[in-house]
Amino acid sequence: MYGLLVEFICPSHGLERYTVKVIKRFNITPHEITPKFRTKPKHELSGIIIGRNVNEKEVRKFFENYLRKKGLWERVLSLKTV
């Protein structure tokens, strides 16, 4: 398990950081990538569940596409692996 550290420009707070966990599972198909959402307090992404044959580059690409769909990619300062 590892994580992706994301730094955003926040209009109200200035700089905002959070980590998205990347969890490797062996009971799903080997090349599957699925998002894991938290339900409280907001419905947000808390982790990414991956199969055993998914590499880090594919996970970063999936997360970048997720941020583009949400309209947050323009505010991202950095995206690092932790």
C-alpha atoms as a PDB file:
ATOM      1  CA  MET A   1       0.000   0.000   0.000  1.00  0.00           C
ATOM      2  CA  TYR A   2       1.164   3.493  -0.816  1.00  0.00           C
ATOM      3  CA  GLY A   3      -0.476   6.855  -1.309  1.00  0.00           C
ATOM      4  CA  LEU A   4      -0.680   9.848  -3.596  1.00  0.00           C
ATOM      5  CA  LEU A   5      -0.042  13.216  -1.942  1.00  0.00           C
ATOM      6  CA  VAL A   6      -1.985  15.986  -3.676  1.00  0.00           C
ATOM      7  CA  GLU A   7      -1.442  19.724  -3.129  1.00  0.00           C
ATOM      8  CA  PHE A   8      -4.202  22.103  -4.244  1.00  0.00           C
ATOM      9  CA  ILE A   9      -4.634  25.848  -4.448  1.00  0.00           C
ATOM     10  CA  CYS A  10      -7.696  26.504  -2.313  1.00  0.00           C
ATOM     11  CA  PRO A  11      -9.508  29.855  -2.771  1.00  0.00           C
ATOM     12  CA  SER A  12     -10.431  30.145   0.918  1.00  0.00           C
ATOM     13  CA  HIS A  13      -7.486  28.484   2.710  1.00  0.00           C
ATOM     14  CA  GLY A  14      -4.576  29.054   0.337  1.00  0.00           C
ATOM     15  CA  LEU A  15      -2.902  25.646   0.220  1.00  0.00           C
ATOM     16  CA  GLU A  16      -4.615  22.337   0.858  1.00  0.00           C
ATOM     17  CA  ARG A  17      -2.965  18.889   1.059  1.00  0.00           C
ATOM     18  CA  TYR A  18      -4.407  15.418   1.319  1.00  0.00           C
ATOM     19  CA  THR A  19      -3.421  11.818   0.685  1.00  0.00           C
ATOM     20  CA  VAL A  20      -5.319   9.245  -1.361  1.00  0.00           C
ATOM     21  CA  LYS A  21      -4.512   5.663  -0.344  1.00  0.00           C
ATOM     22  CA  VAL A  22      -3.671   3.103  -3.022  1.00  0.00           C
ATOM     23  CA  ILE A  23      -4.663  -0.385  -1.857  1.00  0.00           C
ATOM     24  CA  LYS A  24      -3.576  -3.508  -3.702  1.00  0.00           C
ATOM     25  CA  ARG A  25      -6.098  -6.344  -3.604  1.00  0.00           C
ATOM     26  CA  PHE A  26      -5.661  -9.889  -4.818  1.00  0.00           C
ATOM     27  CA  ASN A  27      -9.314 -10.945  -4.962  1.00  0.00           C
ATOM     28  CA  ILE A  28     -10.201  -8.715  -7.948  1.00  0.00           C
ATOM     29  CA  THR A  29      -9.157  -8.967 -11.591  1.00  0.00           C
ATOM     30  CA  PRO A  30      -5.414  -8.312 -12.046  1.00  0.00           C
ATOM     31  CA  HIS A  31      -5.738  -5.134 -14.163  1.00  0.00           C
ATOM     32  CA  GLU A  32      -8.728  -3.507 -12.441  1.00  0.00           C
ATOM     33  CA  ILE A  33      -8.669   0.002 -10.957  1.00  0.00           C
ATOM     34  CA  THR A  34     -11.691   1.105  -8.903  1.00  0.00           C
ATOM     35  CA  PRO A  35     -12.212   4.201  -6.756  1.00  0.00           C
ATOM     36  CA  LYS A  36     -13.184   3.916  -3.089  1.00  0.00           C
ATOM     37  CA  PHE A  37     -15.419   6.688  -1.757  1.00  0.00           C
ATOM     38  CA  ARG A  38     -16.071   7.817   1.795  1.00  0.00           C
ATOM     39  CA  THR A  39     -19.654   8.529   2.719  1.00  0.00           C
ATOM     40  CA  LYS A  40     -19.325  10.916   5.649  1.00  0.00           C
ATOM     41  CA  PRO A  41     -18.959  13.887   5.947  1.00  0.00           C
ATOM     42  CA  LYS A  42     -18.906  14.260   2.138  1.00  0.00           C
ATOM     43  CA  HIS A  43     -18.976  11.800  -0.728  1.00  0.00           C
ATOM     44  CA  GLU A  44     -15.298  12.120  -1.723  1.00  0.00           C
ATOM     45  CA  LEU A  45     -12.531   9.860  -2.963  1.00  0.00           C
ATOM     46  CA  SER A  46     -10.616   8.245  -0.093  1.00  0.00           C
ATOM     47  CA  GLY A  47      -8.699   5.520  -1.886  1.00  0.00           C
ATOM     48  CA  ILE A  48      -7.996   3.668  -5.086  1.00  0.00           C
ATOM     49  CA  ILE A  49      -8.251  -0.125  -5.125  1.00  0.00           C
ATOM     50  CA  ILE A  50      -5.991  -1.806  -7.679  1.00  0.00           C
ATOM     51  CA  GLY A  51      -5.363  -5.332  -8.922  1.00  0.00           C
ATOM     52  CA  ARG A  52      -2.031  -7.104  -8.592  1.00  0.00           C
ATOM     53  CA  ASN A  53      -0.730  -6.254 -12.098  1.00  0.00           C
ATOM     54  CA  VAL A  54      -1.427  -2.504 -12.072  1.00  0.00           C
ATOM     55  CA  ASN A  55       1.671  -0.304 -11.995  1.00  0.00           C
ATOM     56  CA  GLU A  56       2.137   3.153 -10.491  1.00  0.00           C
ATOM     57  CA  LYS A  57       1.976   4.947 -13.841  1.00  0.00           C
ATOM     58  CA  GLU A  58      -1.513   3.589 -14.531  1.00  0.00           C
ATOM     59  CA  VAL A  59      -2.692   4.662 -11.069  1.00  0.00           C
ATOM     60  CA  ARG A  60      -1.406   8.215 -11.580  1.00  0.00           C
ATOM     61  CA  LYS A  61      -3.086   8.366 -14.988  1.00  0.00           C
ATOM     62  CA  PHE A  62      -6.393   7.144 -13.492  1.00  0.00           C
ATOM     63  CA  PHE A  63      -6.205   9.741 -10.699  1.00  0.00           C
ATOM     64  CA  GLU A  64      -5.349  12.573 -13.112  1.00  0.00           C
ATOM     65  CA  ASN A  65      -8.348  11.647 -15.274  1.00  0.00           C
ATOM     66  CA  TYR A  66     -10.556  11.576 -12.160  1.00  0.00           C
ATOM     67  CA  LEU A  67      -9.424  15.097 -11.217  1.00  0.00           C
ATOM     68  CA  ARG A  68     -10.031  16.314 -14.779  1.00  0.00           C
ATOM     69  CA  LYS A  69     -13.593  14.941 -14.696  1.00  0.00           C
ATOM     70  CA  LYS A  70     -14.230  16.721 -11.383  1.00  0.00           C
ATOM     71  CA  GLY A  71     -12.762  19.980 -12.744  1.00  0.00           C
ATOM     72  CA  LEU A  72      -9.997  20.153 -10.138  1.00  0.00           C
ATOM     73  CA  TRP A  73      -6.949  19.497 -12.314  1.00  0.00           C
ATOM     74  CA  GLU A  74      -6.322  23.226 -12.925  1.00  0.00           C
ATOM     75  CA  ARG A  75      -5.883  23.818  -9.180  1.00  0.00           C
ATOM     76  CA  VAL A  76      -3.361  20.991  -8.577  1.00  0.00           C
ATOM     77  CA  LEU A  77       0.141  22.174  -7.665  1.00  0.00           C
ATOM     78  CA  SER A  78       1.830  18.811  -7.253  1.00  0.00           C
ATOM     79  CA  LEU A  79       1.100  15.109  -7.239  1.00  0.00           C
ATOM     80  CA  LYS A  80       3.643  12.917  -5.428  1.00  0.00           C
ATOM     81  CA  THR A  81       3.899   9.274  -4.456  1.00  0.00           C
ATOM     82  CA  VAL A  82       4.228   8.696  -0.716  1.00  0.00           C
END
